[in-house]
Amino acid sequence: MSAPPQLPDGIVAGANRIRRCWWGAEPPIYQAYHDDEWGRPVADDFRLFEKLCLEGFQSGLSWLTILKKRENFRLAFDGFDFHQLARWGERDVTRLLGDAGIVRHRGKIEATLNNARRALEVVAECGSLAAYVWRWEPAASARPRHLDKPALAALSSTPESLALSKDLRKRGWAFVGPTTCYALMQAMGMVNDHLEGCSARAKVEQARRKFVRPGGA
């Protein structure tokens, strides 16, 4: 019997010969997020706002913690409808601090409500949050030709995420550092950071080719 083929660094083989990036191999909630969501292009404003807020809440925590609480976050923050959240105030902050289903961090909760107001300003200026965010998509030539585990580990931020972070901060957003902004870019499909050899990489790239960038980005 021949030995199984050696997998590329960072690739884990699961059931049905599905190859995944190492971080998405286990548990099942991670598998579903890795296979069906992470890296798929997003143009819906509320989903983008949710992703940005949750990346901020994740700061200092594991993404698995956030995934497990995501439905609670959606209930607590009114589906991340920033039109509604922009009207919330201190009484809502106090209420959310008592919600055990979410991450009870005053600074992050206050940042979410602040960012909702800032999102309305972006929409008024740019037409949509998506049209604004997709402006920062890096050129294909700026991406690594071969993305393996060490290369991905080195991509905690990029010139584009630094520029996006700087612009958001100038506009008054909070908890939007360059690492958070790059995690947003990965999650929303602005870049395809599935590793070479991952079963999802080609599917994500195909989705990105078909995706119509909002606002002509």
Foldseek 3Di string as FASTA:
>chain_A
DDDDDDAAAQWDADPPRAIFGNVQPDDPLSVCLRQPFFQFADQDQQVLLLLLLLLLLCVVHDVVLCSVLVVVVCVLCVSSQLVVLLPDDDVSLVVQLPDPSGPNDSVSSVLSSQVSVLQVVVCVVQVHPQSVLLVLQDDPVVDDPAAHDVNLVVPLADPSLQVVLVVVVVSPHPSRHRSSSVSSCRRNNSDQRTHVVGPRRVVSVVSVVPDDRPPND
